Amino acid sequence: MSIIHMGHEYWSLVQAPHESRFGTIAQLKMVCWLEATAVFRDPLPGMYELSWRMELPSESSTDFHCQWTGTLYDDQHRPLGPSVQYVQPRKPSWSKDVVGKGWFQISFGRIRISDQQRPSLLEMKLFGGNDMWFRDLKLDYAQCFPVDPSSSPPPVPSVKLECPSAATSSESGNTNDSA
């Protein structure tokens, strides 16, 4: 995962062995522009749910306009078809259920990779901004996990709070994460 302005006065990497299975989280201090990117190289054909693991500790962490995208690219970084996209308004209605309640997974859509596409990467992005500053967002990782193509997709976005011990528990199944 890469984040614009990481390591400056805006974002920091924080050791968090009890909060993240990767041991480190990205913690926002304050920005007016958000851009976080996760890349999955050589994804296999199938249907994938796209999600981020994050925490919104305060109301101010919801006060930003953002686009969530998932895009497949070929080896010359040309898009292969349309992106999956969710446009988040400032202070979205779903946030009231998660602000100050710990880590959660937010899924923003599904993407299908056909046998013919052969993408070299799947890129997931959060990007957007405000004319004002916002703060307190925490990011752990982006995830694309296989789903049954015949199953009904969940509403977009789909938000699921975690148990406190979920961060460090091992997961079974074929999961792809990008920290």
N, C-alpha and C. Protein backbone atom coordinates (compact mmCIF):
# COMPACT_ATOMS: atom_id res chain seq x y z
N MET A 1 0.86 -1.16 0.00
CA MET A 1 0.00 0.00 0.00
C MET A 1 0.90 1.23 0.00
N SER A 2 0.55 2.20 -0.80
CA SER A 2 1.28 3.47 -0.77
C SER A 2 0.29 4.59 -0.50
N ILE A 3 0.76 5.59 0.23
CA ILE A 3 -0.09 6.72 0.61
C ILE A 3 0.67 8.00 0.32
N ILE A 4 0.01 8.90 -0.42
CA ILE A 4 0.60 10.21 -0.70
C ILE A 4 0.76 10.97 0.62
N HIS A 5 1.88 11.62 0.81
CA HIS A 5 2.24 12.39 2.01
C HIS A 5 2.61 11.52 3.20
N MET A 6 2.88 10.24 2.98
CA MET A 6 3.31 9.37 4.08
C MET A 6 4.67 9.82 4.59
N GLY A 7 4.84 9.80 5.89
CA GLY A 7 6.13 10.16 6.48
C GLY A 7 6.33 11.65 6.64
N HIS A 8 5.41 12.44 6.16
CA HIS A 8 5.48 13.88 6.38
C HIS A 8 4.67 14.19 7.64
N GLU A 9 4.31 15.44 7.80
CA GLU A 9 3.52 15.79 8.98
C GLU A 9 2.07 15.36 8.86
N TYR A 10 1.69 14.75 7.71
CA TYR A 10 0.29 14.40 7.47
C TYR A 10 -0.07 12.96 7.83
N TRP A 11 0.78 12.01 7.52
CA TRP A 11 0.55 10.58 7.77
C TRP A 11 1.76 10.00 8.49
N SER A 12 1.53 8.96 9.29
CA SER A 12 2.65 8.24 9.88
C SER A 12 2.34 6.75 9.92
N LEU A 13 3.39 5.95 9.88
CA LEU A 13 3.26 4.51 10.11
C LEU A 13 3.44 4.28 11.60
N VAL A 14 2.52 3.54 12.19
CA VAL A 14 2.52 3.31 13.63
C VAL A 14 2.63 1.81 13.88
N GLN A 15 3.56 1.42 14.75
CA GLN A 15 3.65 0.02 15.15
C GLN A 15 2.38 -0.35 15.91
N ALA A 16 1.69 -1.39 15.47
CA ALA A 16 0.43 -1.78 16.09
C ALA A 16 0.27 -3.30 16.02
N PRO A 17 1.14 -4.05 16.70
CA PRO A 17 1.10 -5.50 16.59
C PRO A 17 -0.21 -6.12 17.10
N HIS A 18 -0.94 -5.42 17.96
CA HIS A 18 -2.20 -5.96 18.48
C HIS A 18 -3.40 -5.50 17.65
N GLU A 19 -3.19 -4.55 16.75
CA GLU A 19 -4.29 -4.05 15.91
C GLU A 19 -4.23 -4.60 14.49
N SER A 20 -3.05 -4.95 14.02
CA SER A 20 -2.88 -5.35 12.62
C SER A 20 -2.09 -6.65 12.53
N ARG A 21 -2.54 -7.52 11.65
CA ARG A 21 -1.76 -8.75 11.44
C ARG A 21 -0.43 -8.46 10.75
N PHE A 22 -0.29 -7.28 10.16
CA PHE A 22 0.97 -6.88 9.54
C PHE A 22 1.88 -6.13 10.51
N GLY A 23 1.35 -5.76 11.69
CA GLY A 23 2.15 -5.12 12.71
C GLY A 23 2.25 -3.62 12.62
N THR A 24 1.78 -3.02 11.52
CA THR A 24 1.88 -1.58 11.31
C THR A 24 0.59 -1.07 10.68
N ILE A 25 0.15 0.11 11.11
CA ILE A 25 -1.00 0.75 10.48
C ILE A 25 -0.59 2.14 10.00
N ALA A 26 -1.35 2.68 9.05
CA ALA A 26 -1.15 4.05 8.61
C ALA A 26 -2.15 4.92 9.36
N GLN A 27 -1.63 5.96 10.01
CA GLN A 27 -2.49 6.83 10.80
C GLN A 27 -2.42 8.25 10.25
N LEU A 28 -3.59 8.75 9.91
CA LEU A 28 -3.70 10.12 9.38
C LEU A 28 -3.66 11.12 10.52
N LYS A 29 -2.81 12.13 10.35
CA LYS A 29 -2.82 13.23 11.30
C LYS A 29 -3.81 14.28 10.80
N MET A 30 -3.59 14.77 9.57
CA MET A 30 -4.51 15.74 9.00
C MET A 30 -4.10 16.01 7.54
N VAL A 31 -5.09 15.98 6.63
CA VAL A 31 -4.86 16.30 5.23
C VAL A 31 -6.12 16.93 4.62
N CYS A 32 -5.96 17.53 3.46
CA CYS A 32 -7.11 17.95 2.68
C CYS A 32 -7.20 17.13 1.39
N TRP A 33 -6.16 16.32 1.10
CA TRP A 33 -6.17 15.44 -0.06
C TRP A 33 -5.80 14.03 0.39
N LEU A 34 -6.64 13.06 0.01
CA LEU A 34 -6.42 11.67 0.37
C LEU A 34 -6.09 10.88 -0.88
N GLU A 35 -5.01 10.10 -0.83
CA GLU A 35 -4.70 9.19 -1.93
C GLU A 35 -3.92 8.00 -1.38
N ALA A 36 -4.62 6.86 -1.31
CA ALA A 36 -4.02 5.60 -0.87
C ALA A 36 -4.24 4.59 -1.99
N THR A 37 -3.19 3.84 -2.32
CA THR A 37 -3.23 2.88 -3.42
C THR A 37 -2.70 1.53 -2.96
N ALA A 38 -3.42 0.48 -3.33
CA ALA A 38 -2.97 -0.89 -3.09
C ALA A 38 -2.92 -1.60 -4.43
N VAL A 39 -1.85 -2.37 -4.66
CA VAL A 39 -1.65 -3.05 -5.94
C VAL A 39 -1.54 -4.56 -5.71
N PHE A 40 -2.28 -5.31 -6.51
CA PHE A 40 -2.22 -6.77 -6.50
C PHE A 40 -1.70 -7.20 -7.86
N ARG A 41 -0.54 -7.82 -7.89
CA ARG A 41 0.10 -8.21 -9.15
C ARG A 41 -0.39 -9.57 -9.63
N ASP A 42 -0.55 -9.68 -10.96
CA ASP A 42 -0.93 -10.92 -11.63
C ASP A 42 -2.13 -11.63 -10.99
N PRO A 43 -3.27 -10.92 -10.84
CA PRO A 43 -4.43 -11.58 -10.25
C PRO A 43 -4.97 -12.69 -11.15
N LEU A 44 -5.45 -13.74 -10.54
CA LEU A 44 -5.98 -14.89 -11.28
C LEU A 44 -7.43 -14.62 -11.72
N PRO A 45 -7.89 -15.32 -12.76
CA PRO A 45 -9.28 -15.16 -13.18
C PRO A 45 -10.24 -15.53 -12.04
N GLY A 46 -11.36 -14.84 -12.00
CA GLY A 46 -12.38 -15.09 -10.99
C GLY A 46 -13.13 -13.83 -10.65
N MET A 47 -14.01 -13.92 -9.67
CA MET A 47 -14.77 -12.78 -9.16
C MET A 47 -14.23 -12.44 -7.79
N TYR A 48 -13.97 -11.14 -7.54
CA TYR A 48 -13.37 -10.70 -6.28
C TYR A 48 -14.18 -9.57 -5.67
N GLU A 49 -14.30 -9.64 -4.35
CA GLU A 49 -14.88 -8.55 -3.55
C GLU A 49 -13.71 -7.64 -3.16
N LEU A 50 -13.89 -6.34 -3.29
CA LEU A 50 -12.83 -5.37 -2.99
C LEU A 50 -13.16 -4.65 -1.69
N SER A 51 -12.20 -4.64 -0.76
CA SER A 51 -12.47 -3.99 0.53
C SER A 51 -11.20 -3.39 1.13
N TRP A 52 -11.41 -2.53 2.10
CA TRP A 52 -10.35 -1.94 2.90
C TRP A 52 -10.66 -2.21 4.37
N ARG A 53 -9.62 -2.37 5.16
CA ARG A 53 -9.77 -2.47 6.61
C ARG A 53 -9.33 -1.12 7.16
N MET A 54 -10.24 -0.48 7.90
CA MET A 54 -9.96 0.87 8.40
C MET A 54 -10.66 1.11 9.74
N GLU A 55 -10.31 2.24 10.32
CA GLU A 55 -10.96 2.68 11.55
C GLU A 55 -11.22 4.17 11.44
N LEU A 56 -12.37 4.59 11.92
CA LEU A 56 -12.75 6.00 11.96
C LEU A 56 -12.93 6.38 13.43
N PRO A 57 -11.85 6.84 14.09
CA PRO A 57 -11.92 7.09 15.53
C PRO A 57 -12.84 8.24 15.94
N SER A 58 -13.07 9.22 15.04
CA SER A 58 -13.87 10.39 15.41
C SER A 58 -14.71 10.85 14.22
N GLU A 59 -15.67 11.73 14.50
CA GLU A 59 -16.51 12.30 13.43
C GLU A 59 -15.68 12.98 12.35
N SER A 60 -14.58 13.62 12.74
CA SER A 60 -13.77 14.33 11.75
C SER A 60 -13.15 13.40 10.72
N SER A 61 -13.03 12.11 11.06
CA SER A 61 -12.45 11.16 10.10
C SER A 61 -13.43 10.80 8.99
N THR A 62 -14.68 11.25 9.06
CA THR A 62 -15.67 10.98 8.01
C THR A 62 -15.89 12.20 7.11
N ASP A 63 -15.25 13.29 7.44
CA ASP A 63 -15.53 14.56 6.77
C ASP A 63 -14.67 14.77 5.53
N PHE A 64 -14.80 13.83 4.57
CA PHE A 64 -14.08 13.98 3.31
C PHE A 64 -14.87 13.34 2.17
N HIS A 65 -14.70 13.89 1.00
CA HIS A 65 -15.29 13.36 -0.23
C HIS A 65 -14.24 12.46 -0.86
N CYS A 66 -14.64 11.28 -1.32
CA CYS A 66 -13.65 10.31 -1.77
C CYS A 66 -14.23 9.40 -2.86
N GLN A 67 -13.37 8.95 -3.76
CA GLN A 67 -13.73 7.91 -4.72
C GLN A 67 -12.95 6.65 -4.35
N TRP A 68 -13.65 5.53 -4.35
CA TRP A 68 -13.07 4.22 -4.11
C TRP A 68 -13.09 3.53 -5.46
N THR A 69 -11.95 3.09 -5.97
CA THR A 69 -11.93 2.45 -7.28
C THR A 69 -11.14 1.15 -7.26
N GLY A 70 -11.49 0.27 -8.17
CA GLY A 70 -10.75 -0.95 -8.44
C GLY A 70 -10.62 -1.07 -9.95
N THR A 71 -9.39 -1.11 -10.45
CA THR A 71 -9.14 -1.10 -11.89
C THR A 71 -8.12 -2.17 -12.26
N LEU A 72 -8.41 -2.89 -13.34
CA LEU A 72 -7.47 -3.86 -13.89
C LEU A 72 -6.62 -3.18 -14.96
N TYR A 73 -5.32 -3.49 -14.98
CA TYR A 73 -4.40 -2.90 -15.96
C TYR A 73 -3.61 -3.99 -16.66
N ASP A 74 -3.25 -3.71 -17.91
CA ASP A 74 -2.35 -4.62 -18.63
C ASP A 74 -0.90 -4.30 -18.28
N ASP A 75 0.05 -4.97 -18.90
CA ASP A 75 1.47 -4.79 -18.55
C ASP A 75 2.03 -3.44 -18.98
N GLN A 76 1.27 -2.66 -19.76
CA GLN A 76 1.71 -1.31 -20.11
C GLN A 76 0.88 -0.25 -19.37
N HIS A 77 0.24 -0.67 -18.32
CA HIS A 77 -0.59 0.16 -17.45
C HIS A 77 -1.76 0.83 -18.18
N ARG A 78 -2.34 0.10 -19.12
CA ARG A 78 -3.57 0.55 -19.78
C ARG A 78 -4.75 -0.15 -19.11
N PRO A 79 -5.81 0.61 -18.81
CA PRO A 79 -6.97 -0.01 -18.16
C PRO A 79 -7.62 -1.08 -19.05
N LEU A 80 -8.04 -2.17 -18.42
CA LEU A 80 -8.75 -3.25 -19.11
C LEU A 80 -10.22 -3.16 -18.71
N GLY A 81 -10.97 -2.37 -19.42
CA GLY A 81 -12.39 -2.24 -19.11
C GLY A 81 -12.66 -1.19 -18.06
N PRO A 82 -13.94 -1.03 -17.71
CA PRO A 82 -14.30 -0.01 -16.72
C PRO A 82 -13.87 -0.38 -15.31
N SER A 83 -13.68 0.63 -14.49
CA SER A 83 -13.33 0.44 -13.08
C SER A 83 -14.58 0.17 -12.26
N VAL A 84 -14.38 -0.51 -11.14
CA VAL A 84 -15.40 -0.56 -10.10
C VAL A 84 -15.26 0.75 -9.35
N GLN A 85 -16.36 1.42 -9.07
CA GLN A 85 -16.25 2.73 -8.44
C GLN A 85 -17.40 2.97 -7.47
N TYR A 86 -17.05 3.53 -6.31
CA TYR A 86 -18.02 4.00 -5.33
C TYR A 86 -17.60 5.42 -4.98
N VAL A 87 -18.54 6.37 -5.06
CA VAL A 87 -18.25 7.76 -4.72
C VAL A 87 -18.85 8.04 -3.35
N GLN A 88 -17.98 8.40 -2.42
CA GLN A 88 -18.39 8.66 -1.04
C GLN A 88 -18.57 10.15 -0.82
N PRO A 89 -19.74 10.57 -0.36
CA PRO A 89 -19.92 11.98 0.01
C PRO A 89 -19.28 12.25 1.37
N ARG A 90 -19.16 13.51 1.71
CA ARG A 90 -18.69 13.85 3.06
C ARG A 90 -19.70 13.35 4.07
N LYS A 91 -19.22 12.84 5.18
CA LYS A 91 -20.04 12.31 6.27
C LYS A 91 -21.12 11.36 5.75
N PRO A 92 -20.71 10.25 5.14
CA PRO A 92 -21.68 9.31 4.57
C PRO A 92 -22.57 8.69 5.66
N SER A 93 -23.78 8.31 5.27
CA SER A 93 -24.74 7.77 6.25
C SER A 93 -24.24 6.50 6.93
N TRP A 94 -23.47 5.66 6.22
CA TRP A 94 -22.98 4.42 6.82
C TRP A 94 -22.00 4.66 7.96
N SER A 95 -21.36 5.82 7.99
CA SER A 95 -20.31 6.06 8.98
C SER A 95 -20.84 6.14 10.41
N LYS A 96 -22.10 6.50 10.58
CA LYS A 96 -22.63 6.62 11.95
C LYS A 96 -22.59 5.29 12.69
N ASP A 97 -22.59 4.19 11.96
CA ASP A 97 -22.55 2.86 12.59
C ASP A 97 -21.15 2.41 12.99
N VAL A 98 -20.11 3.11 12.55
CA VAL A 98 -18.74 2.64 12.81
C VAL A 98 -17.83 3.66 13.49
N VAL A 99 -18.20 4.93 13.50
CA VAL A 99 -17.34 5.96 14.11
C VAL A 99 -17.13 5.64 15.59
N GLY A 100 -15.85 5.57 15.96
CA GLY A 100 -15.48 5.33 17.35
C GLY A 100 -15.70 3.91 17.85
N LYS A 101 -16.01 2.97 16.95
CA LYS A 101 -16.33 1.60 17.38
C LYS A 101 -15.28 0.58 16.99
N GLY A 102 -14.12 1.02 16.52
CA GLY A 102 -13.03 0.09 16.20
C GLY A 102 -12.90 -0.19 14.71
N TRP A 103 -12.14 -1.23 14.43
CA TRP A 103 -11.81 -1.59 13.05
C TRP A 103 -13.02 -2.21 12.35
N PHE A 104 -13.10 -1.97 11.04
CA PHE A 104 -14.16 -2.56 10.23
C PHE A 104 -13.66 -2.80 8.82
N GLN A 105 -14.35 -3.67 8.12
CA GLN A 105 -14.10 -3.92 6.69
C GLN A 105 -15.18 -3.18 5.92
N ILE A 106 -14.79 -2.46 4.88
CA ILE A 106 -15.77 -1.82 4.01
C ILE A 106 -15.53 -2.34 2.59
N SER A 107 -16.54 -2.99 2.05
CA SER A 107 -16.48 -3.49 0.68
C SER A 107 -17.18 -2.50 -0.22
N PHE A 108 -16.56 -2.20 -1.37
CA PHE A 108 -17.15 -1.20 -2.25
C PHE A 108 -17.49 -1.73 -3.63
N GLY A 109 -17.41 -3.01 -3.83
CA GLY A 109 -17.81 -3.58 -5.12
C GLY A 109 -17.08 -4.86 -5.45
N ARG A 110 -17.47 -5.42 -6.58
CA ARG A 110 -16.87 -6.66 -7.08
C ARG A 110 -16.29 -6.41 -8.46
N ILE A 111 -15.24 -7.16 -8.75
CA ILE A 111 -14.62 -7.08 -10.07
C ILE A 111 -14.42 -8.50 -10.60
N ARG A 112 -14.71 -8.66 -11.87
CA ARG A 112 -14.56 -9.97 -12.52
C ARG A 112 -13.32 -9.92 -13.41
N ILE A 113 -12.50 -10.97 -13.29
CA ILE A 113 -11.33 -11.13 -14.15
C ILE A 113 -11.59 -12.36 -15.00
N SER A 114 -11.68 -12.13 -16.31
CA SER A 114 -11.96 -13.25 -17.22
C SER A 114 -10.66 -13.98 -17.58
N ASP A 115 -10.81 -15.18 -18.12
CA ASP A 115 -9.65 -15.95 -18.57
C ASP A 115 -8.91 -15.23 -19.70
N GLN A 116 -9.64 -14.43 -20.48
CA GLN A 116 -9.04 -13.75 -21.63
C GLN A 116 -8.30 -12.46 -21.26
N GLN A 117 -8.64 -11.85 -20.14
CA GLN A 117 -8.07 -10.54 -19.81
C GLN A 117 -6.58 -10.58 -19.49
N ARG A 118 -6.13 -11.48 -18.67
CA ARG A 118 -4.72 -11.57 -18.26
C ARG A 118 -4.15 -10.23 -17.76
N PRO A 119 -4.79 -9.61 -16.76
CA PRO A 119 -4.25 -8.33 -16.26
C PRO A 119 -2.93 -8.54 -15.55
N SER A 120 -2.07 -7.53 -15.62
CA SER A 120 -0.82 -7.61 -14.87
C SER A 120 -1.01 -7.09 -13.46
N LEU A 121 -2.05 -6.29 -13.24
CA LEU A 121 -2.31 -5.85 -11.88
C LEU A 121 -3.74 -5.38 -11.69
N LEU A 122 -4.17 -5.47 -10.44
CA LEU A 122 -5.42 -4.89 -9.96
C LEU A 122 -5.01 -3.79 -9.01
N GLU A 123 -5.49 -2.58 -9.27
CA GLU A 123 -5.15 -1.43 -8.43
C GLU A 123 -6.42 -0.97 -7.71
N MET A 124 -6.33 -0.87 -6.39
CA MET A 124 -7.42 -0.32 -5.59
C MET A 124 -6.96 1.03 -5.06
N LYS A 125 -7.87 2.01 -5.14
CA LYS A 125 -7.51 3.37 -4.73
C LYS A 125 -8.61 4.02 -3.90
N LEU A 126 -8.17 4.81 -2.95
CA LEU A 126 -9.02 5.77 -2.26
C LEU A 126 -8.43 7.13 -2.62
N PHE A 127 -9.21 7.98 -3.24
CA PHE A 127 -8.67 9.31 -3.52
C PHE A 127 -9.77 10.34 -3.54
N GLY A 128 -9.41 11.52 -3.11
CA GLY A 128 -10.36 12.63 -3.07
C GLY A 128 -9.91 13.64 -2.05
N GLY A 129 -10.72 14.64 -1.87
CA GLY A 129 -10.31 15.68 -0.95
C GLY A 129 -11.41 16.66 -0.65
N ASN A 130 -11.03 17.69 0.02
CA ASN A 130 -11.94 18.72 0.49
C ASN A 130 -11.30 20.07 0.31
N ASP A 131 -12.12 21.08 0.49
CA ASP A 131 -11.58 22.43 0.58
C ASP A 131 -11.18 22.72 2.03
N MET A 132 -11.42 21.75 2.91
CA MET A 132 -11.04 21.88 4.31
C MET A 132 -10.26 20.63 4.73
N TRP A 133 -9.68 20.64 5.91
CA TRP A 133 -8.86 19.54 6.39
C TRP A 133 -9.69 18.55 7.19
N PHE A 134 -9.31 17.28 7.14
CA PHE A 134 -9.93 16.27 7.99
C PHE A 134 -8.82 15.44 8.61
N ARG A 135 -9.18 14.62 9.66
CA ARG A 135 -8.14 13.94 10.42
C ARG A 135 -8.67 12.63 11.00
N ASP A 136 -7.75 11.88 11.60
CA ASP A 136 -8.04 10.71 12.44
C ASP A 136 -8.35 9.41 11.70
N LEU A 137 -8.20 9.31 10.44
CA LEU A 137 -8.45 8.06 9.72
C LEU A 137 -7.30 7.09 9.97
N LYS A 138 -7.60 5.80 10.09
CA LYS A 138 -6.57 4.76 10.21
C LYS A 138 -6.81 3.72 9.12
N LEU A 139 -5.75 3.34 8.42
CA LEU A 139 -5.81 2.30 7.38
C LEU A 139 -4.89 1.15 7.76
N ASP A 140 -5.37 -0.07 7.53
CA ASP A 140 -4.55 -1.24 7.80
C ASP A 140 -4.15 -1.90 6.48
N TYR A 141 -5.12 -2.35 5.69
CA TYR A 141 -4.80 -2.99 4.41
C TYR A 141 -5.99 -2.95 3.47
N ALA A 142 -5.69 -3.21 2.20
CA ALA A 142 -6.71 -3.43 1.17
C ALA A 142 -6.76 -4.93 0.91
N GLN A 143 -7.92 -5.39 0.47
CA GLN A 143 -8.09 -6.83 0.29
C GLN A 143 -8.98 -7.09 -0.93
N CYS A 144 -8.59 -8.10 -1.70
CA CYS A 144 -9.48 -8.62 -2.74
C CYS A 144 -9.62 -10.11 -2.45
N PHE A 145 -10.84 -10.54 -2.22
CA PHE A 145 -11.02 -11.95 -1.87
C PHE A 145 -12.03 -12.58 -2.82
N PRO A 146 -11.78 -13.83 -3.19
CA PRO A 146 -12.65 -14.49 -4.16
C PRO A 146 -14.05 -14.71 -3.60
N VAL A 147 -15.04 -14.54 -4.48
CA VAL A 147 -16.44 -14.79 -4.12
C VAL A 147 -17.08 -15.63 -5.21
N ASP A 148 -18.16 -16.26 -4.87
CA ASP A 148 -18.93 -17.05 -5.81
C ASP A 148 -19.59 -16.11 -6.81
N PRO A 149 -19.29 -16.22 -8.11
CA PRO A 149 -19.87 -15.31 -9.10
C PRO A 149 -21.40 -15.38 -9.17
N SER A 150 -21.99 -16.50 -8.73
CA SER A 150 -23.45 -16.62 -8.80
C SER A 150 -24.14 -16.02 -7.57
N SER A 151 -23.37 -15.64 -6.53
CA SER A 151 -23.97 -15.05 -5.33
C SER A 151 -24.37 -13.60 -5.59
N SER A 152 -25.37 -13.17 -4.87
CA SER A 152 -25.84 -11.78 -5.01
C SER A 152 -24.82 -10.85 -4.35
N PRO A 153 -24.48 -9.76 -5.04
CA PRO A 153 -23.54 -8.82 -4.42
C PRO A 153 -24.19 -8.09 -3.26
N PRO A 154 -23.41 -7.75 -2.24
CA PRO A 154 -23.95 -6.98 -1.12
C PRO A 154 -24.20 -5.54 -1.56
N PRO A 155 -24.94 -4.77 -0.75
CA PRO A 155 -25.12 -3.36 -1.08
C PRO A 155 -23.77 -2.65 -1.07
N VAL A 156 -23.65 -1.59 -1.81
CA VAL A 156 -22.40 -0.82 -1.87
C VAL A 156 -22.63 0.52 -1.20
N PRO A 157 -21.82 0.88 -0.22
CA PRO A 157 -20.80 0.04 0.39
C PRO A 157 -21.42 -0.91 1.40
N SER A 158 -20.70 -1.96 1.71
CA SER A 158 -21.10 -2.92 2.73
C SER A 158 -20.09 -2.81 3.86
N VAL A 159 -20.57 -2.52 5.07
CA VAL A 159 -19.70 -2.25 6.20
C VAL A 159 -19.92 -3.31 7.27
N LYS A 160 -18.81 -3.87 7.78
CA LYS A 160 -18.90 -4.91 8.81
C LYS A 160 -17.89 -4.63 9.92
N LEU A 161 -18.39 -4.37 11.12
CA LEU A 161 -17.51 -4.17 12.29
C LEU A 161 -16.84 -5.48 12.66
N GLU A 162 -15.64 -5.39 13.22
CA GLU A 162 -14.88 -6.57 13.65
C GLU A 162 -14.91 -6.72 15.15
N CYS A 163 -14.63 -7.92 15.59
CA CYS A 163 -14.35 -8.17 17.01
C CYS A 163 -12.93 -7.68 17.26
N PRO A 164 -12.61 -7.22 18.46
CA PRO A 164 -11.25 -6.73 18.72
C PRO A 164 -10.16 -7.75 18.41
N SER A 165 -10.43 -9.04 18.55
CA SER A 165 -9.39 -10.04 18.31
C SER A 165 -9.23 -10.40 16.84
N ALA A 166 -10.11 -9.87 15.97
CA ALA A 166 -10.08 -10.25 14.56
C ALA A 166 -8.83 -9.79 13.83
N ALA A 167 -8.19 -8.75 14.31
CA ALA A 167 -7.03 -8.20 13.60
C ALA A 167 -5.87 -9.17 13.54
N THR A 168 -5.67 -9.93 14.58
CA THR A 168 -4.50 -10.78 14.60
C THR A 168 -4.81 -12.25 14.40
N SER A 169 -6.09 -12.59 14.26
CA SER A 169 -6.42 -14.00 14.04
C SER A 169 -6.05 -14.41 12.63
N SER A 170 -5.71 -15.67 12.46
CA SER A 170 -5.39 -16.15 11.12
C SER A 170 -6.68 -16.46 10.40
N GLU A 171 -6.70 -16.19 9.10
CA GLU A 171 -7.88 -16.44 8.29
C GLU A 171 -7.62 -17.61 7.38
N SER A 172 -8.66 -18.39 7.16
CA SER A 172 -8.51 -19.49 6.21
C SER A 172 -9.05 -19.04 4.87
N GLY A 173 -8.73 -19.76 3.85
CA GLY A 173 -9.24 -19.43 2.52
C GLY A 173 -8.18 -18.77 1.67
N ASN A 174 -8.57 -18.44 0.46
CA ASN A 174 -7.68 -17.85 -0.53
C ASN A 174 -7.87 -16.34 -0.52
N THR A 175 -7.14 -15.61 0.32
CA THR A 175 -7.30 -14.18 0.49
C THR A 175 -6.05 -13.47 0.03
N ASN A 176 -6.24 -12.37 -0.64
CA ASN A 176 -5.12 -11.54 -1.09
C ASN A 176 -5.21 -10.21 -0.36
N ASP A 177 -4.15 -9.83 0.35
CA ASP A 177 -4.10 -8.58 1.09
C ASP A 177 -2.92 -7.76 0.60
N SER A 178 -3.06 -6.44 0.69
CA SER A 178 -1.96 -5.54 0.35
C SER A 178 -1.80 -4.54 1.47
N ALA A 179 -0.72 -4.67 2.21
CA ALA A 179 -0.44 -3.75 3.31
C ALA A 179 0.46 -2.64 2.86
